[in-house]
Amino acid sequence: MRVLHVLVSMAADAGGPAACVQGLTAALAGHDVQCEIATTHGGRTKAEPLPTPGVRVHGFPLSPLARLWNAHSPALARFLADNAGRFDAIHIHEPWHYPGFAAWRIAQRHGIASVLSTHGGLGERALANKRWRKQAYMGAVQRRMLDSQLAVHVLTPVEAADIARQGVAAPVLEAPNGVPVELLSRLDRALADGLLRRFPQLRDKQVVLFLGRVVAGKGPELLAQCFTALADRFPDAALLVAGPPEEADTQRRMHAVLAEAGALHRVAFAGLLTGDDKLGALALARIFVLPSRFEGFPIAPVEAIAAGVPAVISEHCNFPEVAEADAGFVLPLEEAAFATAIETLLADPDRCAAMGANGKRLAAERFAWDAIAKSFAELYRRVSLHEPDGAPQ
């Protein structure tokens, strides 16, 4: 099987879709699926591409129209037109951007089956963002694009229900994103040596980790308020904020809250962490916190629990399994609730360790890439044979 994956960006700061494609394409090699990736570079992403050993990546420049239609790239479209016939299936990642449209149009023209992964983009809350533009695009293009897929892949039961209410005709595959469970479950704290040299305020501390883009929607300001409320009681606690500061105003407000409480010196703003630095942050962390206002299905909490770090997350992360497995807390988006959960874990190392062990088990059972890749390999086989009812459930 030869499958082409098409997405906006493979940059390390491009978020969940890039990490998903990195992990999925690597795991598919073990299931006799040869993958290539077609993507764009430049624009809002600044980081280097994620490594994809053994998987060929074709990167193309953006056109000036990318300001109006994200990742618009005639060079990508030409590559798709010239090369689509080499593949048994095309896997489109994200529904709203130009690369997905271009891939779908070429697949239709050449009679090649395609699969679309929404990455949370068709959930009710995602559709509410820029609603009028999405409604117009849905009527003009997106409905036909969705209905013509041999399968639509969603991350959570919530989004599956949203799509069912929208009346999408294509079969739905519900499967989470995976993480490199074996790697994360055996982290060595020596990986954190570089971080500790850069941020000595983290040494010998109980580290509360925020891992994600520093934007208002992920709730970093709420976390800053919780940390200041607990700082006096837990002088051995420190906060590590690891993620690109995409909204300068959000980070400034965090600084102001922390400085007013006299806690700024106990906080490390590390920016985007990749590779061993990211692994080092997870190895160093005592607690992971993500008080998001909206998510499709974030990968950072899965990485945290796989590393044995209890997760304190909002209900909007669509990850109820954390609470069900006693691997952390799933909470309403309230400062008091988050502060209480963080306080509980800082004060009780034994409970922290027990939740960490539960998280490792959950990750191994549900989020190992090999099992997820097996489902996709079977889906591609059915898709290449144009069996529309073949999306595994």
Protein backbone atom coordinates (compact mmCIF):
# COMPACT_ATOMS: atom_id res chain seq x y z
CA MET A 1 0.00 0.00 0.00
CA ARG A 2 1.17 3.51 -0.83
CA VAL A 3 -0.57 6.37 0.97
CA LEU A 4 0.00 10.11 0.59
CA HIS A 5 -0.67 12.26 3.66
CA VAL A 6 -1.53 15.91 2.95
CA LEU A 7 -1.51 18.63 5.59
CA VAL A 8 -0.77 22.30 6.15
CA SER A 9 2.57 21.99 7.95
CA MET A 10 4.96 19.51 9.52
CA ALA A 11 6.64 22.20 11.63
CA ALA A 12 7.20 21.40 15.30
CA ASP A 13 5.03 24.38 16.28
CA ALA A 14 2.16 23.42 13.96
CA GLY A 15 0.30 21.52 16.67
CA GLY A 16 -1.46 18.17 16.81
CA PRO A 17 -1.86 17.30 13.10
CA ALA A 18 1.90 17.41 12.48
CA ALA A 19 2.62 15.24 15.54
CA CYS A 20 -0.13 12.83 14.47
CA VAL A 21 1.26 12.46 10.94
CA GLN A 22 4.77 11.99 12.32
CA GLY A 23 3.70 9.17 14.63
CA LEU A 24 1.18 7.53 12.31
CA THR A 25 3.41 7.35 9.24
CA ALA A 26 6.25 5.86 11.27
CA ALA A 27 3.99 3.19 12.78
CA LEU A 28 2.35 2.34 9.44
CA ALA A 29 5.69 1.11 8.11
CA GLY A 30 5.25 -1.90 10.39
CA HIS A 31 1.93 -2.70 8.69
CA ASP A 32 3.19 -2.74 5.08
CA VAL A 33 1.99 0.78 4.32
CA GLN A 34 4.51 3.03 2.59
CA CYS A 35 3.77 6.70 3.27
CA GLU A 36 4.83 10.01 1.81
CA ILE A 37 3.87 13.47 3.05
CA ALA A 38 2.92 16.56 1.05
CA THR A 39 2.87 19.82 2.98
CA THR A 40 3.74 23.51 2.91
CA HIS A 41 6.29 25.60 4.75
CA GLY A 42 6.48 29.18 5.92
CA GLY A 43 3.59 31.32 7.11
CA ARG A 44 2.79 31.29 10.80
CA THR A 45 5.04 28.35 11.67
CA LYS A 46 8.63 29.19 12.59
CA ALA A 47 10.08 25.92 13.89
CA GLU A 48 11.93 23.20 12.01
CA PRO A 49 9.89 20.27 10.62
CA LEU A 50 9.37 17.28 12.86
CA PRO A 51 11.71 14.41 11.93
CA THR A 52 10.18 11.62 9.83
CA PRO A 53 12.89 8.95 9.36
CA GLY A 54 12.11 6.71 6.41
CA VAL A 55 9.18 8.85 5.25
CA ARG A 56 9.68 11.18 2.30
CA VAL A 57 8.37 14.71 2.86
CA HIS A 58 7.56 17.05 -0.04
CA GLY A 59 7.43 20.67 1.15
CA PHE A 60 6.14 23.55 -0.95
CA PRO A 61 6.12 27.36 -0.63
CA LEU A 62 3.02 29.41 0.03
CA SER A 63 1.54 31.91 -2.37
CA PRO A 64 0.46 35.46 -1.39
CA LEU A 65 -3.12 34.14 -1.35
CA ALA A 66 -2.23 32.13 1.76
CA ARG A 67 -3.18 35.27 3.72
CA LEU A 68 -6.76 34.69 2.59
CA TRP A 69 -6.87 30.88 2.39
CA ASN A 70 -4.55 29.17 4.83
CA ALA A 71 -1.59 27.36 3.18
CA HIS A 72 -2.59 28.24 -0.40
CA SER A 73 0.15 26.76 -2.60
CA PRO A 74 -0.04 26.27 -6.38
CA ALA A 75 3.24 24.33 -6.15
CA LEU A 76 1.57 21.80 -3.83
CA ALA A 77 -1.39 21.52 -6.21
CA ARG A 78 0.95 20.85 -9.15
CA PHE A 79 2.73 18.13 -7.19
CA LEU A 80 -0.60 16.49 -6.35
CA ALA A 81 -1.72 16.60 -9.99
CA ASP A 82 1.55 15.08 -11.20
CA ASN A 83 1.96 12.41 -8.51
CA ALA A 84 -1.45 11.36 -7.17
CA GLY A 85 -1.53 8.36 -9.49
CA ARG A 86 1.41 6.79 -7.62
CA PHE A 87 -0.75 6.25 -4.50
CA ASP A 88 -3.48 3.83 -3.52
CA ALA A 89 -5.12 6.36 -1.19
CA ILE A 90 -4.79 9.98 -0.07
CA HIS A 91 -5.15 10.86 3.60
CA ILE A 92 -6.22 14.48 4.10
CA HIS A 93 -5.51 16.09 7.46
CA GLU A 94 -7.78 19.01 8.53
CA PRO A 95 -10.87 19.98 6.56
CA TRP A 96 -10.78 23.75 6.15
CA HIS A 97 -7.43 24.64 4.56
CA TYR A 98 -6.24 24.77 0.98
CA PRO A 99 -4.06 21.60 0.97
CA GLY A 100 -7.08 19.49 1.91
CA PHE A 101 -9.21 21.04 -0.83
CA ALA A 102 -6.48 20.59 -3.43
CA ALA A 103 -5.92 16.95 -2.43
CA TRP A 104 -9.66 16.17 -2.53
CA ARG A 105 -10.09 17.77 -5.97
CA ILE A 106 -7.18 15.80 -7.40
CA ALA A 107 -8.38 12.57 -5.78
CA GLN A 108 -11.82 13.06 -7.36
CA ARG A 109 -10.30 13.83 -10.75
CA HIS A 110 -8.09 10.72 -10.73
CA GLY A 111 -10.56 8.36 -9.08
CA ILE A 112 -8.36 7.85 -6.02
CA ALA A 113 -10.04 7.09 -2.72
CA SER A 114 -9.44 9.51 0.14
CA VAL A 115 -9.77 9.60 3.91
CA LEU A 116 -10.18 12.82 5.88
CA SER A 117 -8.99 13.32 9.47
CA THR A 118 -10.80 16.27 11.03
CA HIS A 119 -8.39 16.84 13.96
CA GLY A 120 -11.28 18.34 15.87
CA GLY A 121 -12.21 20.73 13.07
CA LEU A 122 -15.82 19.59 12.70
CA GLY A 123 -16.85 19.65 16.34
CA GLU A 124 -19.61 21.99 17.41
CA ARG A 125 -17.26 24.44 19.13
CA ALA A 126 -14.84 24.46 16.18
CA LEU A 127 -17.68 25.30 13.81
CA ALA A 128 -18.68 28.22 16.04
CA ASN A 129 -15.30 29.87 15.39
CA LYS A 130 -15.66 32.09 12.27
CA ARG A 131 -19.10 30.56 11.87
CA TRP A 132 -20.33 32.58 8.90
CA ARG A 133 -17.21 31.85 6.83
CA LYS A 134 -17.39 28.14 7.62
CA GLN A 135 -21.09 27.98 6.84
CA ALA A 136 -20.47 29.56 3.44
CA TYR A 137 -17.57 27.21 2.70
CA MET A 138 -19.58 24.22 3.92
CA GLY A 139 -22.34 25.02 1.46
CA ALA A 140 -20.00 25.69 -1.44
CA VAL A 141 -17.42 22.92 -1.02
CA GLN A 142 -17.12 21.17 2.31
CA ARG A 143 -20.34 19.16 2.28
CA ARG A 144 -19.44 17.50 -1.04
CA MET A 145 -15.89 16.95 0.18
CA LEU A 146 -17.07 15.21 3.36
CA ASP A 147 -19.77 13.10 1.74
CA SER A 148 -17.35 11.81 -0.92
CA GLN A 149 -14.80 10.48 1.58
CA LEU A 150 -14.50 6.74 1.97
CA ALA A 151 -14.15 7.49 5.69
CA VAL A 152 -14.02 10.52 7.98
CA HIS A 153 -11.69 10.07 10.96
CA VAL A 154 -12.59 11.84 14.22
CA LEU A 155 -10.76 11.85 17.53
CA THR A 156 -13.54 11.71 20.11
CA PRO A 157 -17.09 10.40 20.61
CA VAL A 158 -18.21 14.02 21.04
CA GLU A 159 -17.14 14.92 17.52
CA ALA A 160 -18.57 11.69 16.12
CA ALA A 161 -21.94 12.71 17.57
CA ASP A 162 -21.56 16.24 16.17
CA ILE A 163 -20.91 14.84 12.69
CA ALA A 164 -23.87 12.46 12.95
CA ARG A 165 -26.12 15.45 13.73
CA GLN A 166 -24.74 17.22 10.65
CA GLY A 167 -25.84 14.30 8.47
CA VAL A 168 -22.44 13.53 6.93
CA ALA A 169 -22.89 10.59 4.57
CA ALA A 170 -19.39 9.08 4.82
CA PRO A 171 -18.63 6.32 7.35
CA VAL A 172 -16.91 7.54 10.51
CA LEU A 173 -13.77 6.09 12.09
CA GLU A 174 -13.31 7.14 15.71
CA ALA A 175 -9.69 6.75 16.83
CA PRO A 176 -7.48 8.89 19.10
CA ASN A 177 -4.11 10.29 18.24
CA GLY A 178 -1.29 8.18 19.57
CA VAL A 179 1.99 8.88 21.33
CA PRO A 180 5.32 7.00 21.49
CA VAL A 181 4.28 5.17 24.65
CA GLU A 182 7.41 3.06 25.06
CA LEU A 183 9.70 6.08 24.81
CA LEU A 184 7.63 8.25 27.15
CA SER A 185 7.18 5.54 29.77
CA ARG A 186 10.94 5.24 30.31
CA LEU A 187 12.13 8.82 30.48
CA ASP A 188 15.44 9.56 32.18
CA ARG A 189 15.59 12.69 34.32
CA ALA A 190 19.05 13.31 32.85
CA LEU A 191 17.16 14.57 29.77
CA ALA A 192 16.24 17.60 31.88
CA ASP A 193 19.86 18.65 32.53
CA GLY A 194 19.82 21.22 29.75
CA LEU A 195 16.56 22.74 31.00
CA LEU A 196 17.88 22.93 34.56
CA ARG A 197 20.97 24.79 33.36
CA ARG A 198 18.78 27.29 31.53
CA PHE A 199 16.20 27.55 34.31
CA PRO A 200 17.86 26.85 37.67
CA GLN A 201 14.65 27.92 39.46
CA LEU A 202 13.28 24.47 38.51
CA ARG A 203 16.02 22.49 40.26
CA ASP A 204 14.86 20.31 43.20
CA LYS A 205 11.29 21.61 42.82
CA GLN A 206 7.87 20.11 42.33
CA VAL A 207 7.39 21.23 38.73
CA VAL A 208 3.91 22.08 37.46
CA LEU A 209 4.05 21.81 33.66
CA PHE A 210 2.01 23.67 31.06
CA LEU A 211 2.80 22.25 27.61
CA GLY A 212 1.12 23.94 24.68
CA ARG A 213 0.73 27.17 22.77
CA VAL A 214 0.55 30.17 25.10
CA VAL A 215 -2.83 31.42 23.90
CA ALA A 216 -5.88 32.46 25.88
CA GLY A 217 -7.89 29.46 24.68
CA LYS A 218 -5.57 27.05 26.49
CA GLY A 219 -6.07 28.81 29.83
CA PRO A 220 -2.52 29.76 30.87
CA GLU A 221 -3.77 32.82 32.75
CA LEU A 222 -6.02 30.65 34.92
CA LEU A 223 -3.00 28.47 35.69
CA ALA A 224 -0.96 31.55 36.65
CA GLN A 225 -3.71 32.58 39.07
CA CYS A 226 -3.81 29.09 40.59
CA PHE A 227 -0.04 29.04 41.02
CA THR A 228 0.03 32.39 42.80
CA ALA A 229 -2.74 31.21 45.14
CA LEU A 230 -0.66 28.14 46.10
CA ALA A 231 2.84 29.59 45.98
CA ASP A 232 3.11 30.56 49.67
CA ARG A 233 1.91 27.17 50.89
CA PHE A 234 4.24 25.23 48.58
CA PRO A 235 7.61 27.00 48.49
CA ASP A 236 9.09 23.95 46.73
CA ALA A 237 6.74 24.33 43.73
CA ALA A 238 7.77 25.87 40.41
CA LEU A 239 5.90 26.44 37.16
CA LEU A 240 7.28 25.54 33.72
CA VAL A 241 5.45 27.11 30.77
CA ALA A 242 6.59 25.28 27.65
CA GLY A 243 5.12 26.48 24.39
CA PRO A 244 5.37 29.23 21.79
CA PRO A 245 3.97 32.59 23.01
CA GLU A 246 1.65 33.12 20.06
CA GLU A 247 -0.31 35.83 21.87
CA ALA A 248 2.03 38.38 23.42
CA ASP A 249 -0.82 39.95 25.42
CA THR A 250 -1.62 36.60 27.05
CA GLN A 251 1.96 36.09 28.21
CA ARG A 252 2.17 39.70 29.42
CA ARG A 253 -0.95 39.21 31.52
CA MET A 254 0.54 36.03 32.99
CA HIS A 255 3.71 37.94 33.88
CA ALA A 256 1.66 40.67 35.54
CA VAL A 257 -0.33 38.20 37.69
CA LEU A 258 2.81 36.36 38.77
CA ALA A 259 4.83 39.51 39.41
CA GLU A 260 2.11 41.09 41.54
CA ALA A 261 2.10 37.99 43.76
CA GLY A 262 5.90 37.92 43.98
CA ALA A 263 6.01 34.51 42.26
CA LEU A 264 7.52 35.38 38.89
CA HIS A 265 11.00 34.20 39.93
CA ARG A 266 9.59 30.68 40.38
CA VAL A 267 8.30 30.45 36.81
CA ALA A 268 10.25 29.42 33.69
CA PHE A 269 8.92 30.55 30.30
CA ALA A 270 10.78 28.11 28.08
CA GLY A 271 9.11 28.75 24.71
CA LEU A 272 8.67 25.89 22.26
CA LEU A 273 10.43 22.72 23.40
CA THR A 274 11.19 19.88 21.00
CA GLY A 275 13.19 16.68 21.02
CA ASP A 276 15.12 15.91 24.20
CA ASP A 277 14.15 19.26 25.74
CA LYS A 278 10.47 18.35 25.53
CA LEU A 279 11.17 14.89 26.91
CA GLY A 280 13.20 16.52 29.67
CA ALA A 281 10.26 18.73 30.62
CA LEU A 282 8.01 15.68 30.94
CA ALA A 283 10.68 13.84 32.96
CA LEU A 284 10.95 16.82 35.30
CA ALA A 285 7.22 17.41 35.78
CA ARG A 286 5.32 16.43 38.91
CA ILE A 287 1.93 17.59 37.56
CA PHE A 288 0.66 18.50 34.07
CA VAL A 289 -2.05 21.18 33.81
CA LEU A 290 -4.12 22.23 30.78
CA PRO A 291 -7.17 24.41 31.62
CA SER A 292 -8.33 24.76 28.00
CA ARG A 293 -11.51 26.52 27.02
CA PHE A 294 -11.71 24.53 23.79
CA GLU A 295 -9.92 21.54 22.27
CA GLY A 296 -10.53 18.85 19.69
CA PHE A 297 -8.36 16.25 21.35
CA PRO A 298 -5.05 17.65 22.66
CA ILE A 299 -1.99 15.43 22.45
CA ALA A 300 -0.09 16.99 25.38
CA PRO A 301 -2.19 15.34 28.14
CA VAL A 302 -1.68 11.96 26.47
CA GLU A 303 2.07 12.53 26.41
CA ALA A 304 1.95 13.53 30.06
CA ILE A 305 0.10 10.45 31.30
CA ALA A 306 2.30 8.19 29.15
CA ALA A 307 5.26 9.73 30.99
CA GLY A 308 3.63 8.97 34.34
CA VAL A 309 2.64 12.57 35.07
CA PRO A 310 -0.88 13.11 36.51
CA ALA A 311 -2.97 15.37 34.30
CA VAL A 312 -5.20 18.17 35.60
CA ILE A 313 -7.30 19.19 32.62
CA SER A 314 -10.58 20.88 31.77
CA GLU A 315 -13.68 19.09 30.56
CA HIS A 316 -13.16 20.84 27.22
CA CYS A 317 -10.12 18.64 26.53
CA ASN A 318 -12.56 15.81 25.67
CA PHE A 319 -10.45 13.33 27.61
CA PRO A 320 -12.72 11.87 30.31
CA GLU A 321 -10.58 8.71 30.47
CA VAL A 322 -8.11 10.62 32.66
CA ALA A 323 -10.65 10.74 35.49
CA GLU A 324 -12.10 7.31 34.73
CA ALA A 325 -8.65 5.71 35.06
CA ASP A 326 -7.74 7.84 38.10
CA ALA A 327 -4.82 9.25 36.14
CA GLY A 328 -5.61 12.83 37.13
CA PHE A 329 -8.54 15.25 37.34
CA VAL A 330 -11.03 16.38 34.69
CA LEU A 331 -12.57 19.63 35.89
CA PRO A 332 -14.98 22.43 35.08
CA LEU A 333 -13.19 25.55 33.96
CA GLU A 334 -13.06 27.16 37.42
CA GLU A 335 -10.01 28.55 39.18
CA ALA A 336 -11.02 27.06 42.55
CA ALA A 337 -11.39 23.56 41.10
CA PHE A 338 -7.99 23.67 39.43
CA ALA A 339 -6.28 25.15 42.48
CA THR A 340 -7.73 22.41 44.70
CA ALA A 341 -6.59 19.64 42.33
CA ILE A 342 -3.06 21.03 42.04
CA GLU A 343 -2.89 21.50 45.80
CA THR A 344 -4.03 17.90 46.36
CA LEU A 345 -1.24 16.51 44.21
CA LEU A 346 1.49 18.81 45.54
CA ALA A 347 0.58 17.79 49.09
CA ASP A 348 0.31 14.04 48.45
CA PRO A 349 3.32 12.47 46.63
CA ASP A 350 1.89 8.97 47.07
CA ARG A 351 -1.36 9.86 45.32
CA CYS A 352 0.63 11.65 42.65
CA ALA A 353 2.70 8.50 42.04
CA ALA A 354 -0.38 6.25 41.97
CA MET A 355 -2.10 8.47 39.41
CA GLY A 356 1.09 8.52 37.36
CA ALA A 357 1.17 4.71 37.28
CA ASN A 358 -2.52 4.62 36.28
CA GLY A 359 -1.78 7.04 33.46
CA LYS A 360 0.99 4.87 32.09
CA ARG A 361 -1.35 1.90 31.97
CA LEU A 362 -4.07 3.92 30.24
CA ALA A 363 -1.63 5.21 27.63
CA ALA A 364 -0.27 1.74 26.91
CA GLU A 365 -3.77 0.33 26.48
CA ARG A 366 -5.33 3.12 24.40
CA PHE A 367 -2.73 5.35 22.80
CA ALA A 368 0.15 3.22 21.50
CA TRP A 369 0.72 4.07 17.85
CA ASP A 370 1.06 0.48 16.68
CA ALA A 371 -2.53 -0.44 17.52
CA ILE A 372 -3.86 2.77 16.00
CA ALA A 373 -1.78 2.26 12.84
CA LYS A 374 -3.19 -1.27 12.47
CA SER A 375 -6.72 0.18 12.29
CA PHE A 376 -5.64 2.70 9.66
CA ALA A 377 -3.82 0.07 7.59
CA GLU A 378 -7.04 -1.95 7.45
CA LEU A 379 -8.99 1.20 6.59
CA TYR A 380 -6.61 2.05 3.72
CA ARG A 381 -6.95 -1.49 2.37
CA ARG A 382 -10.72 -1.18 2.29
CA VAL A 383 -10.56 2.36 0.96
CA SER A 384 -8.28 1.35 -1.91
CA LEU A 385 -10.87 -1.28 -2.85
CA HIS A 386 -13.61 1.39 -2.63
CA GLU A 387 -15.55 -0.36 0.10
CA PRO A 388 -17.43 2.64 1.59
CA ASP A 389 -18.84 0.70 4.52
CA GLY A 390 -15.44 -0.46 5.62
CA ALA A 391 -14.50 2.12 8.24
CA PRO A 392 -13.69 0.11 11.37
CA GLN A 393 -15.54 1.26 14.46
